[in-house]
Amino acid sequence: MPIVSRPIAVLTALALAAGALGGCSSMNQKLSAGMADTIPSWAGGLPADAPPRPGTPEYDKFMQDRERKRLMPAAQRGDEAKPATAPQDAAR
């Protein structure tokens, strides 16, 4: 009866592999939200001037400050005009 035991072993191995992959995907989903914040900007992470993530106290404060600045007249906002970047010479 060794022929019958082979399909059972194959099914058991496939079930274990599926369970392991399923566990990894749910764990990675939870870790990826925190890991994205720790990647430096030079390696493709968030830039330094990125707004905070929604749902945090910093985000609520950021949105209140943004709304306050939106209601101010443009002359009082304190935003200096950003100089336009010089076009780079493509012929170099």
N, C-alpha and C. Protein backbone atom coordinates (compact mmCIF):
# COMPACT_ATOMS: atom_id res chain seq x y z
N MET A 1 0.79 -1.20 0.00
CA MET A 1 0.00 0.00 0.00
C MET A 1 0.84 1.28 0.00
N PRO A 2 2.04 1.27 -0.50
CA PRO A 2 2.80 2.52 -0.54
C PRO A 2 2.25 3.52 -1.53
N ILE A 3 1.43 3.09 -2.47
CA ILE A 3 0.86 4.01 -3.46
C ILE A 3 -0.13 4.97 -2.79
N VAL A 4 -0.88 4.54 -1.81
CA VAL A 4 -1.89 5.37 -1.14
C VAL A 4 -1.23 6.40 -0.23
N SER A 5 -0.12 6.07 0.37
CA SER A 5 0.50 7.00 1.31
C SER A 5 1.17 8.18 0.61
N ARG A 6 1.53 8.04 -0.64
CA ARG A 6 2.19 9.14 -1.34
C ARG A 6 1.26 10.35 -1.54
N PRO A 7 0.01 10.19 -2.02
CA PRO A 7 -0.88 11.35 -2.16
C PRO A 7 -1.19 12.02 -0.82
N ILE A 8 -1.27 11.23 0.24
CA ILE A 8 -1.51 11.82 1.56
C ILE A 8 -0.32 12.68 1.98
N ALA A 9 0.88 12.21 1.72
CA ALA A 9 2.07 12.99 2.06
C ALA A 9 2.15 14.27 1.23
N VAL A 10 1.80 14.17 -0.04
CA VAL A 10 1.82 15.35 -0.90
C VAL A 10 0.78 16.36 -0.44
N LEU A 11 -0.41 15.92 -0.13
CA LEU A 11 -1.45 16.83 0.35
C LEU A 11 -1.08 17.46 1.68
N THR A 12 -0.46 16.69 2.55
CA THR A 12 -0.01 17.24 3.83
C THR A 12 1.06 18.31 3.63
N ALA A 13 2.01 18.05 2.74
CA ALA A 13 3.06 19.03 2.46
C ALA A 13 2.48 20.30 1.85
N LEU A 14 1.52 20.16 0.93
CA LEU A 14 0.89 21.34 0.33
C LEU A 14 0.09 22.13 1.36
N ALA A 15 -0.59 21.44 2.25
CA ALA A 15 -1.36 22.13 3.29
C ALA A 15 -0.44 22.90 4.24
N LEU A 16 0.69 22.31 4.61
CA LEU A 16 1.65 23.00 5.48
C LEU A 16 2.25 24.22 4.78
N ALA A 17 2.57 24.08 3.49
CA ALA A 17 3.13 25.21 2.75
C ALA A 17 2.11 26.34 2.62
N ALA A 18 0.86 26.00 2.35
CA ALA A 18 -0.19 27.02 2.25
C ALA A 18 -0.40 27.74 3.58
N GLY A 19 -0.37 27.00 4.67
CA GLY A 19 -0.52 27.62 5.99
C GLY A 19 0.64 28.54 6.32
N ALA A 20 1.85 28.13 5.96
CA ALA A 20 3.02 28.97 6.22
C ALA A 20 2.98 30.25 5.40
N LEU A 21 2.61 30.14 4.14
CA LEU A 21 2.53 31.34 3.30
C LEU A 21 1.42 32.27 3.76
N GLY A 22 0.31 31.71 4.19
CA GLY A 22 -0.78 32.53 4.71
C GLY A 22 -0.39 33.27 5.97
N GLY A 23 0.36 32.63 6.83
CA GLY A 23 0.84 33.29 8.05
C GLY A 23 1.82 34.40 7.77
N CYS A 24 2.67 34.20 6.77
CA CYS A 24 3.64 35.24 6.41
C CYS A 24 2.95 36.47 5.85
N SER A 25 1.92 36.27 5.04
CA SER A 25 1.26 37.42 4.42
C SER A 25 0.54 38.27 5.45
N SER A 26 -0.09 37.67 6.42
CA SER A 26 -0.79 38.48 7.42
C SER A 26 0.20 39.19 8.34
N MET A 27 1.32 38.55 8.63
CA MET A 27 2.33 39.19 9.46
C MET A 27 2.97 40.35 8.71
N ASN A 28 3.28 40.18 7.42
CA ASN A 28 3.90 41.24 6.65
C ASN A 28 2.99 42.44 6.48
N GLN A 29 1.70 42.22 6.41
CA GLN A 29 0.76 43.32 6.28
C GLN A 29 0.84 44.24 7.50
N LYS A 30 0.97 43.65 8.68
CA LYS A 30 1.04 44.45 9.91
C LYS A 30 2.40 45.11 10.07
N LEU A 31 3.45 44.44 9.65
CA LEU A 31 4.78 45.00 9.80
C LEU A 31 5.10 46.07 8.76
N SER A 32 4.51 45.97 7.59
CA SER A 32 4.88 46.90 6.52
C SER A 32 4.49 48.33 6.84
N ALA A 33 3.42 48.54 7.58
CA ALA A 33 3.02 49.90 7.92
C ALA A 33 4.08 50.57 8.81
N GLY A 34 4.65 49.84 9.73
CA GLY A 34 5.68 50.41 10.59
C GLY A 34 7.05 50.46 9.93
N MET A 35 7.34 49.50 9.08
CA MET A 35 8.65 49.46 8.42
C MET A 35 8.79 50.57 7.39
N ALA A 36 7.71 50.98 6.76
CA ALA A 36 7.79 52.02 5.74
C ALA A 36 8.26 53.34 6.34
N ASP A 37 7.95 53.58 7.60
CA ASP A 37 8.37 54.83 8.24
C ASP A 37 9.84 54.82 8.62
N THR A 38 10.46 53.66 8.72
CA THR A 38 11.85 53.60 9.17
C THR A 38 12.86 53.58 8.03
N ILE A 39 12.40 53.46 6.80
CA ILE A 39 13.32 53.47 5.65
C ILE A 39 13.77 54.91 5.43
N PRO A 40 15.08 55.16 5.34
CA PRO A 40 15.54 56.53 5.11
C PRO A 40 15.13 57.05 3.74
N SER A 41 15.03 58.38 3.63
CA SER A 41 14.57 58.97 2.36
C SER A 41 15.55 58.70 1.23
N TRP A 42 16.83 58.59 1.52
CA TRP A 42 17.80 58.33 0.45
C TRP A 42 17.64 56.93 -0.13
N ALA A 43 16.98 56.03 0.62
CA ALA A 43 16.77 54.67 0.14
C ALA A 43 15.36 54.48 -0.41
N GLY A 44 14.63 55.58 -0.62
CA GLY A 44 13.30 55.48 -1.19
C GLY A 44 12.19 55.57 -0.17
N GLY A 45 12.49 55.95 1.06
CA GLY A 45 11.46 56.08 2.08
C GLY A 45 10.74 57.41 1.97
N LEU A 46 9.96 57.74 3.00
CA LEU A 46 9.22 58.99 3.00
C LEU A 46 10.16 60.18 3.05
N PRO A 47 9.87 61.26 2.33
CA PRO A 47 10.69 62.46 2.43
C PRO A 47 10.53 63.11 3.80
N ALA A 48 11.45 63.97 4.14
CA ALA A 48 11.44 64.61 5.46
C ALA A 48 10.22 65.51 5.65
N ASP A 49 9.69 66.10 4.59
CA ASP A 49 8.57 67.02 4.73
C ASP A 49 7.22 66.35 4.47
N ALA A 50 7.16 65.05 4.54
CA ALA A 50 5.89 64.33 4.33
C ALA A 50 4.97 64.55 5.53
N PRO A 51 3.67 64.71 5.29
CA PRO A 51 2.75 64.88 6.43
C PRO A 51 2.63 63.59 7.22
N PRO A 52 2.22 63.70 8.48
CA PRO A 52 2.06 62.49 9.31
C PRO A 52 0.94 61.60 8.78
N ARG A 53 0.94 60.37 9.21
CA ARG A 53 -0.08 59.41 8.76
C ARG A 53 -1.42 59.71 9.41
N PRO A 54 -2.52 59.51 8.65
CA PRO A 54 -3.86 59.72 9.23
C PRO A 54 -4.11 58.77 10.41
N GLY A 55 -4.86 59.29 11.38
CA GLY A 55 -5.20 58.48 12.55
C GLY A 55 -4.28 58.71 13.73
N THR A 56 -3.21 59.48 13.56
CA THR A 56 -2.30 59.76 14.66
C THR A 56 -2.59 61.15 15.23
N PRO A 57 -2.20 61.41 16.48
CA PRO A 57 -2.40 62.75 17.04
C PRO A 57 -1.64 63.83 16.26
N GLU A 58 -0.49 63.48 15.71
CA GLU A 58 0.27 64.45 14.93
C GLU A 58 -0.50 64.86 13.67
N TYR A 59 -1.24 63.91 13.09
CA TYR A 59 -2.01 64.20 11.89
C TYR A 59 -3.14 65.19 12.21
N ASP A 60 -3.80 64.98 13.35
CA ASP A 60 -4.88 65.89 13.73
C ASP A 60 -4.34 67.30 13.93
N LYS A 61 -3.19 67.42 14.58
CA LYS A 61 -2.57 68.73 14.79
C LYS A 61 -2.16 69.34 13.46
N PHE A 62 -1.62 68.53 12.56
CA PHE A 62 -1.21 69.00 11.24
C PHE A 62 -2.41 69.55 10.47
N MET A 63 -3.54 68.83 10.51
CA MET A 63 -4.72 69.26 9.78
C MET A 63 -5.31 70.54 10.38
N GLN A 64 -5.27 70.68 11.71
CA GLN A 64 -5.76 71.90 12.34
C GLN A 64 -4.89 73.09 11.94
N ASP A 65 -3.59 72.91 11.93
CA ASP A 65 -2.68 73.98 11.53
C ASP A 65 -2.88 74.33 10.06
N ARG A 66 -3.09 73.32 9.24
CA ARG A 66 -3.31 73.55 7.81
C ARG A 66 -4.60 74.34 7.57
N GLU A 67 -5.65 74.00 8.31
CA GLU A 67 -6.92 74.71 8.18
C GLU A 67 -6.78 76.15 8.67
N ARG A 68 -6.03 76.33 9.76
CA ARG A 68 -5.81 77.68 10.28
C ARG A 68 -5.07 78.53 9.25
N LYS A 69 -4.05 77.96 8.61
CA LYS A 69 -3.31 78.71 7.58
C LYS A 69 -4.16 78.97 6.35
N ARG A 70 -5.06 78.04 6.04
CA ARG A 70 -5.91 78.23 4.87
C ARG A 70 -6.86 79.40 5.05
N LEU A 71 -7.33 79.61 6.28
CA LEU A 71 -8.26 80.70 6.55
C LEU A 71 -7.58 82.05 6.68
N MET A 72 -6.27 82.09 6.83
CA MET A 72 -5.52 83.34 6.93
C MET A 72 -5.39 84.01 5.57
N PRO A 73 -5.28 85.34 5.56
CA PRO A 73 -4.96 86.00 4.28
C PRO A 73 -3.56 85.57 3.81
N ALA A 74 -3.34 85.60 2.52
CA ALA A 74 -2.07 85.11 1.95
C ALA A 74 -0.88 85.91 2.45
N ALA A 75 -1.06 87.19 2.73
CA ALA A 75 0.06 88.03 3.17
C ALA A 75 0.52 87.67 4.59
N GLN A 76 -0.35 87.08 5.38
CA GLN A 76 -0.02 86.78 6.77
C GLN A 76 0.43 85.33 7.00
N ARG A 77 0.39 84.52 6.00
CA ARG A 77 0.70 83.10 6.18
C ARG A 77 2.14 82.83 6.54
N GLY A 78 3.04 83.64 6.07
CA GLY A 78 4.46 83.43 6.38
C GLY A 78 5.14 82.46 5.44
N ASP A 79 4.46 82.05 4.39
CA ASP A 79 5.09 81.17 3.41
C ASP A 79 5.88 82.03 2.43
N GLU A 80 7.18 81.84 2.45
CA GLU A 80 7.99 82.56 1.50
C GLU A 80 7.83 81.91 0.14
N ALA A 81 7.91 82.73 -0.88
CA ALA A 81 7.81 82.17 -2.23
C ALA A 81 9.04 81.31 -2.48
N LYS A 82 8.82 80.12 -2.93
CA LYS A 82 9.93 79.21 -3.18
C LYS A 82 10.55 79.56 -4.52
N PRO A 83 11.85 79.73 -4.58
CA PRO A 83 12.47 80.07 -5.86
C PRO A 83 12.37 78.89 -6.82
N ALA A 84 12.16 79.23 -8.06
CA ALA A 84 12.08 78.17 -9.07
C ALA A 84 13.46 77.57 -9.26
N THR A 85 13.52 76.29 -9.45
CA THR A 85 14.79 75.64 -9.66
C THR A 85 15.27 75.92 -11.07
N ALA A 86 16.55 76.11 -11.19
CA ALA A 86 17.13 76.37 -12.50
C ALA A 86 17.10 75.10 -13.33
N PRO A 87 16.75 75.21 -14.61
CA PRO A 87 16.74 74.00 -15.42
C PRO A 87 18.15 73.45 -15.59
N GLN A 88 18.23 72.15 -15.55
CA GLN A 88 19.55 71.52 -15.65
C GLN A 88 19.92 71.39 -17.11
N ASP A 89 21.18 71.53 -17.37
CA ASP A 89 21.67 71.44 -18.74
C ASP A 89 21.73 69.98 -19.15
N ALA A 90 20.92 69.58 -20.10
CA ALA A 90 20.84 68.19 -20.52
C ALA A 90 21.99 67.80 -21.45
N ALA A 91 22.75 68.77 -21.95
CA ALA A 91 23.80 68.49 -22.92
C ALA A 91 25.11 68.09 -22.26
N ARG A 92 25.14 68.02 -20.96
CA ARG A 92 26.41 67.71 -20.28
C ARG A 92 26.89 66.35 -20.59
